[in-house]
C-alpha atoms as a PDB file:
ATOM      1  CA  UNK A   1      29.659  85.879  40.594  1.00  0.00           C
ATOM      2  CA  UNK A   2      28.139  83.095  40.524  1.00  0.00           C
ATOM      3  CA  UNK A   3      29.244  79.776  42.654  1.00  0.00           C
ATOM      4  CA  UNK A   4      30.729  78.044  39.092  1.00  0.00           C
ATOM      5  CA  UNK A   5      32.620  81.410  38.548  1.00  0.00           C
ATOM      6  CA  UNK A   6      34.390  81.856  41.766  1.00  0.00           C
ATOM      7  CA  UNK A   7      35.465  77.944  41.127  1.00  0.00           C
ATOM      8  CA  UNK A   8      36.496  78.848  37.630  1.00  0.00           C
ATOM      9  CA  UNK A   9      38.104  82.274  39.087  1.00  0.00           C
ATOM     10  CA  UNK A  10      40.280  79.958  41.383  1.00  0.00           C
ATOM     11  CA  UNK A  11      41.416  77.595  39.238  1.00  0.00           C
ATOM     12  CA  UNK A  12      42.879  80.319  35.748  1.00  0.00           C
ATOM     13  CA  UNK A  13      44.272  82.010  38.982  1.00  0.00           C
ATOM     14  CA  UNK A  14      45.882  79.783  40.231  1.00  0.00           C
ATOM     15  CA  UNK A  15      47.124  78.058  37.335  1.00  0.00           C
ATOM     16  CA  UNK A  16      49.019  81.712  36.530  1.00  0.00           C
ATOM     17  CA  UNK A  17      50.752  81.548  39.402  1.00  0.00           C
ATOM     18  CA  UNK A  18      51.954  77.941  39.562  1.00  0.00           C
ATOM     19  CA  UNK A  19      51.904  76.568  36.585  1.00  0.00           C
ATOM     20  CA  UNK A  20      55.308  74.340  37.333  1.00  0.00           C
ATOM     21  CA  UNK A  21      53.854  73.004  40.936  1.00  0.00           C
ATOM     22  CA  UNK A  22      56.708  72.055  43.459  1.00  0.00           C
ATOM     23  CA  UNK A  23      56.017  68.974  45.458  1.00  0.00           C
ATOM     24  CA  UNK A  24      56.473  69.873  49.262  1.00  0.00           C
ATOM     25  CA  UNK A  25      58.062  67.150  50.734  1.00  0.00           C
ATOM     26  CA  UNK A  26      61.472  65.962  49.730  1.00  0.00           C
ATOM     27  CA  UNK A  27      61.250  62.417  48.817  1.00  0.00           C
ATOM     28  CA  UNK A  28      62.407  59.167  46.329  1.00  0.00           C
ATOM     29  CA  UNK A  29      59.326  56.640  46.427  1.00  0.00           C
ATOM     30  CA  UNK A  30      56.417  56.177  47.814  1.00  0.00           C
ATOM     31  CA  UNK A  31      57.944  54.816  51.428  1.00  0.00           C
ATOM     32  CA  UNK A  32      59.708  57.820  51.808  1.00  0.00           C
ATOM     33  CA  UNK A  33      56.683  60.425  51.005  1.00  0.00           C
ATOM     34  CA  UNK A  34      54.569  58.323  53.225  1.00  0.00           C
ATOM     35  CA  UNK A  35      57.071  58.773  56.301  1.00  0.00           C
ATOM     36  CA  UNK A  36      57.415  62.422  55.568  1.00  0.00           C
ATOM     37  CA  UNK A  37      53.600  63.339  55.439  1.00  0.00           C
ATOM     38  CA  UNK A  38      53.598  61.125  58.865  1.00  0.00           C
ATOM     39  CA  UNK A  39      56.449  63.388  59.929  1.00  0.00           C
ATOM     40  CA  UNK A  40      54.545  66.791  58.488  1.00  0.00           C
ATOM     41  CA  UNK A  41      51.817  66.785  61.427  1.00  0.00           C
ATOM     42  CA  UNK A  42      51.925  69.562  63.402  1.00  0.00           C
ATOM     43  CA  UNK A  43      55.597  70.492  61.839  1.00  0.00           C
ATOM     44  CA  UNK A  44      56.377  72.850  58.703  1.00  0.00           C
ATOM     45  CA  UNK A  45      57.487  71.081  55.781  1.00  0.00           C
ATOM     46  CA  UNK A  46      60.990  72.984  56.283  1.00  0.00           C
ATOM     47  CA  UNK A  47      62.040  71.387  59.391  1.00  0.00           C
ATOM     48  CA  UNK A  48      60.849  68.103  57.726  1.00  0.00           C
ATOM     49  CA  UNK A  49      62.889  68.351  54.529  1.00  0.00           C
ATOM     50  CA  UNK A  50      65.775  69.243  57.369  1.00  0.00           C
ATOM     51  CA  UNK A  51      65.101  65.993  59.314  1.00  0.00           C
ATOM     52  CA  UNK A  52      64.306  63.267  56.619  1.00  0.00           C
ATOM     53  CA  UNK A  53      67.630  63.423  54.796  1.00  0.00           C
ATOM     54  CA  UNK A  54      68.991  62.274  58.510  1.00  0.00           C
ATOM     55  CA  UNK A  55      66.563  59.782  58.670  1.00  0.00           C
ATOM     56  CA  UNK A  56      67.153  57.976  55.048  1.00  0.00           C
ATOM     57  CA  UNK A  57      70.619  57.931  55.727  1.00  0.00           C
ATOM     58  CA  UNK A  58      69.941  55.412  58.261  1.00  0.00           C
ATOM     59  CA  UNK A  59      66.864  53.542  56.843  1.00  0.00           C
ATOM     60  CA  UNK A  60      65.142  54.527  53.318  1.00  0.00           C
ATOM     61  CA  UNK A  61      63.151  51.664  53.565  1.00  0.00           C
ATOM     62  CA  UNK A  62      60.610  49.112  55.939  1.00  0.00           C
ATOM     63  CA  UNK A  63      63.745  46.728  56.205  1.00  0.00           C
ATOM     64  CA  UNK A  64      66.709  49.299  57.066  1.00  0.00           C
ATOM     65  CA  UNK A  65      63.903  51.268  59.585  1.00  0.00           C
ATOM     66  CA  UNK A  66      62.965  48.290  61.715  1.00  0.00           C
ATOM     67  CA  UNK A  67      66.744  47.554  62.705  1.00  0.00           C
ATOM     68  CA  UNK A  68      66.851  50.785  64.057  1.00  0.00           C
ATOM     69  CA  UNK A  69      65.230  50.792  67.567  1.00  0.00           C
ATOM     70  CA  UNK A  70      61.678  52.726  68.279  1.00  0.00           C
ATOM     71  CA  UNK A  71      64.484  55.004  70.519  1.00  0.00           C
ATOM     72  CA  UNK A  72      66.540  55.370  67.473  1.00  0.00           C
ATOM     73  CA  UNK A  73      64.162  56.869  65.181  1.00  0.00           C
ATOM     74  CA  UNK A  74      62.628  58.792  68.268  1.00  0.00           C
ATOM     75  CA  UNK A  75      65.972  60.728  68.624  1.00  0.00           C
ATOM     76  CA  UNK A  76      65.990  61.475  65.381  1.00  0.00           C
ATOM     77  CA  UNK A  77      63.358  62.949  64.413  1.00  0.00           C
ATOM     78  CA  UNK A  78      62.816  64.971  67.774  1.00  0.00           C
ATOM     79  CA  UNK A  79      62.661  68.344  66.312  1.00  0.00           C
ATOM     80  CA  UNK A  80      59.633  67.479  64.058  1.00  0.00           C
ATOM     81  CA  UNK A  81      57.606  67.293  67.435  1.00  0.00           C
ATOM     82  CA  UNK A  82      55.355  64.425  68.353  1.00  0.00           C
ATOM     83  CA  UNK A  83      58.062  62.006  68.246  1.00  0.00           C
ATOM     84  CA  UNK A  84      57.015  59.316  70.733  1.00  0.00           C
ATOM     85  CA  UNK A  85      53.870  58.840  68.465  1.00  0.00           C
ATOM     86  CA  UNK A  86      55.710  59.321  65.632  1.00  0.00           C
ATOM     87  CA  UNK A  87      58.506  56.774  65.738  1.00  0.00           C
ATOM     88  CA  UNK A  88      56.174  54.107  67.438  1.00  0.00           C
ATOM     89  CA  UNK A  89      53.897  54.584  63.934  1.00  0.00           C
ATOM     90  CA  UNK A  90      57.128  54.493  61.402  1.00  0.00           C
ATOM     91  CA  UNK A  91      58.376  51.572  62.719  1.00  0.00           C
ATOM     92  CA  UNK A  92      55.003  49.556  63.342  1.00  0.00           C
ATOM     93  CA  UNK A  93      53.934  50.833  59.647  1.00  0.00           C
ATOM     94  CA  UNK A  94      57.018  49.549  58.605  1.00  0.00           C
ATOM     95  CA  UNK A  95      57.392  46.575  60.021  1.00  0.00           C
ATOM     96  CA  UNK A  96      53.279  45.582  58.647  1.00  0.00           C
ATOM     97  CA  UNK A  97      54.674  46.978  54.736  1.00  0.00           C
ATOM     98  CA  UNK A  98      57.007  44.075  55.489  1.00  0.00           C
ATOM     99  CA  UNK A  99      54.945  41.233  57.019  1.00  0.00           C
ATOM    100  CA  UNK A 100      51.818  41.935  54.909  1.00  0.00           C
ATOM    101  CA  UNK A 101      52.634  44.188  51.554  1.00  0.00           C
ATOM    102  CA  UNK A 102      56.069  42.326  50.813  1.00  0.00           C
ATOM    103  CA  UNK A 103      57.891  45.852  51.329  1.00  0.00           C
ATOM    104  CA  UNK A 104      55.747  47.734  49.509  1.00  0.00           C
ATOM    105  CA  UNK A 105      53.396  50.715  50.422  1.00  0.00           C
ATOM    106  CA  UNK A 106      49.684  49.881  49.073  1.00  0.00           C
ATOM    107  CA  UNK A 107      47.831  51.830  46.674  1.00  0.00           C
ATOM    108  CA  UNK A 108      44.721  51.618  48.436  1.00  0.00           C
ATOM    109  CA  UNK A 109      42.765  54.398  51.120  1.00  0.00           C
ATOM    110  CA  UNK A 110      42.107  51.345  53.002  1.00  0.00           C
ATOM    111  CA  UNK A 111      45.335  49.628  53.579  1.00  0.00           C
ATOM    112  CA  UNK A 112      47.176  52.884  53.833  1.00  0.00           C
ATOM    113  CA  UNK A 113      44.490  53.952  56.553  1.00  0.00           C
ATOM    114  CA  UNK A 114      45.182  50.560  58.053  1.00  0.00           C
ATOM    115  CA  UNK A 115      48.677  51.445  58.633  1.00  0.00           C
ATOM    116  CA  UNK A 116      49.816  52.805  62.427  1.00  0.00           C
ATOM    117  CA  UNK A 117      49.554  57.122  62.883  1.00  0.00           C
ATOM    118  CA  UNK A 118      48.164  57.180  59.123  1.00  0.00           C
ATOM    119  CA  UNK A 119      44.952  58.957  58.738  1.00  0.00           C
ATOM    120  CA  UNK A 120      42.919  59.854  55.480  1.00  0.00           C
ATOM    121  CA  UNK A 121      44.782  63.002  55.366  1.00  0.00           C
ATOM    122  CA  UNK A 122      48.053  61.181  54.819  1.00  0.00           C
ATOM    123  CA  UNK A 123      46.648  58.220  52.757  1.00  0.00           C
ATOM    124  CA  UNK A 124      45.419  61.137  50.214  1.00  0.00           C
ATOM    125  CA  UNK A 125      48.596  62.712  50.135  1.00  0.00           C
ATOM    126  CA  UNK A 126      50.280  59.575  49.338  1.00  0.00           C
ATOM    127  CA  UNK A 127      47.654  58.407  46.975  1.00  0.00           C
ATOM    128  CA  UNK A 128      47.476  61.542  45.163  1.00  0.00           C
ATOM    129  CA  UNK A 129      51.176  62.363  45.164  1.00  0.00           C
ATOM    130  CA  UNK A 130      52.605  58.952  44.998  1.00  0.00           C
ATOM    131  CA  UNK A 131      50.270  57.018  42.831  1.00  0.00           C
ATOM    132  CA  UNK A 132      48.709  59.681  41.004  1.00  0.00           C
ATOM    133  CA  UNK A 133      45.219  58.605  42.252  1.00  0.00           C
ATOM    134  CA  UNK A 134      42.584  61.649  42.468  1.00  0.00           C
ATOM    135  CA  UNK A 135      42.467  62.918  46.100  1.00  0.00           C
ATOM    136  CA  UNK A 136      41.801  66.014  47.773  1.00  0.00           C
ATOM    137  CA  UNK A 137      44.293  66.383  51.245  1.00  0.00           C
ATOM    138  CA  UNK A 138      42.617  69.037  53.210  1.00  0.00           C
ATOM    139  CA  UNK A 139      45.849  70.966  55.235  1.00  0.00           C
ATOM    140  CA  UNK A 140      45.189  73.920  57.613  1.00  0.00           C
ATOM    141  CA  UNK A 141      45.628  76.537  54.494  1.00  0.00           C
ATOM    142  CA  UNK A 142      43.197  74.616  52.399  1.00  0.00           C
ATOM    143  CA  UNK A 143      40.534  74.408  55.316  1.00  0.00           C
ATOM    144  CA  UNK A 144      40.882  78.261  55.995  1.00  0.00           C
ATOM    145  CA  UNK A 145      41.103  79.233  51.772  1.00  0.00           C
ATOM    146  CA  UNK A 146      38.169  77.283  51.387  1.00  0.00           C
ATOM    147  CA  UNK A 147      36.416  79.215  53.936  1.00  0.00           C
ATOM    148  CA  UNK A 148      37.409  83.062  53.406  1.00  0.00           C
ATOM    149  CA  UNK A 149      36.932  81.859  49.661  1.00  0.00           C
ATOM    150  CA  UNK A 150      32.914  80.973  50.895  1.00  0.00           C
ATOM    151  CA  UNK A 151      33.450  77.243  49.165  1.00  0.00           C
ATOM    152  CA  UNK A 152      32.722  75.804  52.747  1.00  0.00           C
ATOM    153  CA  UNK A 153      31.311  76.614  55.659  1.00  0.00           C
ATOM    154  CA  UNK A 154      34.727  75.696  57.704  1.00  0.00           C
ATOM    155  CA  UNK A 155      33.187  73.466  60.181  1.00  0.00           C
ATOM    156  CA  UNK A 156      35.654  70.522  60.031  1.00  0.00           C
ATOM    157  CA  UNK A 157      38.341  69.248  58.023  1.00  0.00           C
ATOM    158  CA  UNK A 158      35.674  66.272  56.300  1.00  0.00           C
ATOM    159  CA  UNK A 159      33.144  69.153  55.444  1.00  0.00           C
ATOM    160  CA  UNK A 160      36.060  70.980  53.751  1.00  0.00           C
ATOM    161  CA  UNK A 161      37.273  67.991  51.655  1.00  0.00           C
ATOM    162  CA  UNK A 162      33.759  66.990  50.549  1.00  0.00           C
ATOM    163  CA  UNK A 163      32.987  70.675  48.838  1.00  0.00           C
ATOM    164  CA  UNK A 164      36.286  70.583  47.559  1.00  0.00           C
ATOM    165  CA  UNK A 165      35.570  67.393  45.772  1.00  0.00           C
ATOM    166  CA  UNK A 166      32.114  68.389  45.168  1.00  0.00           C
ATOM    167  CA  UNK A 167      33.201  71.813  43.136  1.00  0.00           C
ATOM    168  CA  UNK A 168      36.219  71.081  41.738  1.00  0.00           C
ATOM    169  CA  UNK A 169      36.772  68.653  38.589  1.00  0.00           C
ATOM    170  CA  UNK A 170      37.830  65.357  39.506  1.00  0.00           C
ATOM    171  CA  UNK A 171      40.928  65.721  37.455  1.00  0.00           C
ATOM    172  CA  UNK A 172      42.387  68.718  38.746  1.00  0.00           C
ATOM    173  CA  UNK A 173      42.386  67.629  42.478  1.00  0.00           C
ATOM    174  CA  UNK A 174      45.893  66.259  42.803  1.00  0.00           C
ATOM    175  CA  UNK A 175      47.413  69.746  41.208  1.00  0.00           C
ATOM    176  CA  UNK A 176      44.994  72.220  42.649  1.00  0.00           C
ATOM    177  CA  UNK A 177      45.265  70.918  46.352  1.00  0.00           C
ATOM    178  CA  UNK A 178      48.928  71.792  45.814  1.00  0.00           C
ATOM    179  CA  UNK A 179      48.139  75.177  44.455  1.00  0.00           C
ATOM    180  CA  UNK A 180      45.963  76.352  47.138  1.00  0.00           C
ATOM    181  CA  UNK A 181      48.512  75.199  49.745  1.00  0.00           C
ATOM    182  CA  UNK A 182      51.334  77.328  48.235  1.00  0.00           C
ATOM    183  CA  UNK A 183      48.920  79.756  47.451  1.00  0.00           C
ATOM    184  CA  UNK A 184      48.067  79.636  51.206  1.00  0.00           C
ATOM    185  CA  UNK A 185      51.581  80.055  52.217  1.00  0.00           C
ATOM    186  CA  UNK A 186      52.580  82.417  49.999  1.00  0.00           C
ATOM    187  CA  UNK A 187      49.466  84.972  49.565  1.00  0.00           C
ATOM    188  CA  UNK A 188      46.871  84.280  52.220  1.00  0.00           C
ATOM    189  CA  UNK A 189      48.455  82.957  55.741  1.00  0.00           C
ATOM    190  CA  UNK A 190      46.823  82.951  59.013  1.00  0.00           C
ATOM    191  CA  UNK A 191      48.897  85.727  60.456  1.00  0.00           C
ATOM    192  CA  UNK A 192      50.477  88.985  58.791  1.00  0.00           C
ATOM    193  CA  UNK A 193      47.651  88.411  56.366  1.00  0.00           C
ATOM    194  CA  UNK A 194      48.097  91.412  53.507  1.00  0.00           C
ATOM    195  CA  UNK A 195      44.165  91.160  51.656  1.00  0.00           C
ATOM    196  CA  UNK A 196      46.184  93.494  48.729  1.00  0.00           C
ATOM    197  CA  UNK A 197      48.222  90.634  48.068  1.00  0.00           C
ATOM    198  CA  UNK A 198      45.084  87.979  48.287  1.00  0.00           C
ATOM    199  CA  UNK A 199      43.804  88.451  44.595  1.00  0.00           C
ATOM    200  CA  UNK A 200      41.440  85.468  45.498  1.00  0.00           C
ATOM    201  CA  UNK A 201      40.161  86.418  48.777  1.00  0.00           C
ATOM    202  CA  UNK A 202      39.534  90.008  47.719  1.00  0.00           C
ATOM    203  CA  UNK A 203      37.393  89.262  44.617  1.00  0.00           C
ATOM    204  CA  UNK A 204      35.153  86.341  46.266  1.00  0.00           C
ATOM    205  CA  UNK A 205      35.751  86.659  49.746  1.00  0.00           C
ATOM    206  CA  UNK A 206      33.063  85.515  51.983  1.00  0.00           C
ATOM    207  CA  UNK A 207      31.635  89.235  53.115  1.00  0.00           C
ATOM    208  CA  UNK A 208      32.003  88.514  56.795  1.00  0.00           C
ATOM    209  CA  UNK A 209      35.928  87.709  56.574  1.00  0.00           C
ATOM    210  CA  UNK A 210      36.226  90.856  54.564  1.00  0.00           C
ATOM    211  CA  UNK A 211      34.641  92.415  57.052  1.00  0.00           C
ATOM    212  CA  UNK A 212      36.823  91.421  59.510  1.00  0.00           C
ATOM    213  CA  UNK A 213      39.787  92.145  58.232  1.00  0.00           C
ATOM    214  CA  UNK A 214      38.975  95.828  57.269  1.00  0.00           C
ATOM    215  CA  UNK A 215      37.796  96.183  60.763  1.00  0.00           C
ATOM    216  CA  UNK A 216      40.554  94.911  62.157  1.00  0.00           C
ATOM    217  CA  UNK A 217      42.841  97.268  59.581  1.00  0.00           C
ATOM    218  CA  UNK A 218      41.236 100.478  59.667  1.00  0.00           C
END
């Protein structure tokens, strides 16, 4: 298979498996999405979705959020991990949204990445899922799969994002990054991986990855 054929195979397989694509993090607007994505760093989406209703019951907009103290926020979000940093980030970005953006989440990568605790991946998720702007946020699943599929060298998340954007058509980025995340969770996890269920890697996988898998399981 040529690289282009592999790309088409990935797109077609994912479209068959995920014609409807659920959004992993529960939210109702750009602000609640931004906070949920920030909380998801080194924490599962399932855990985040358990914690955000408790936080948003207290404050689901920047004006109410800054009425809470950093300590209050930290106490609520503790189960998500990294709570000292995340609580300062949530409080700090809420303050900036009020002071500089009329309480609204800005619709540009630059403005989002200037907010406390908001990196490129978080900004990409918000741009893509809240505003429909083409982006390709790379999480651990996408990073792992792009390497397994021999579509990126796995050297860095930035390189994986670059390769994904180069290989896949821009109009598919927003759907594809979510489809790959779901596929990674269901069929190609880091642990407990069963290659027989993972049709994409089995068909187009990197030779060294397949060899290593068969060595371990033989």
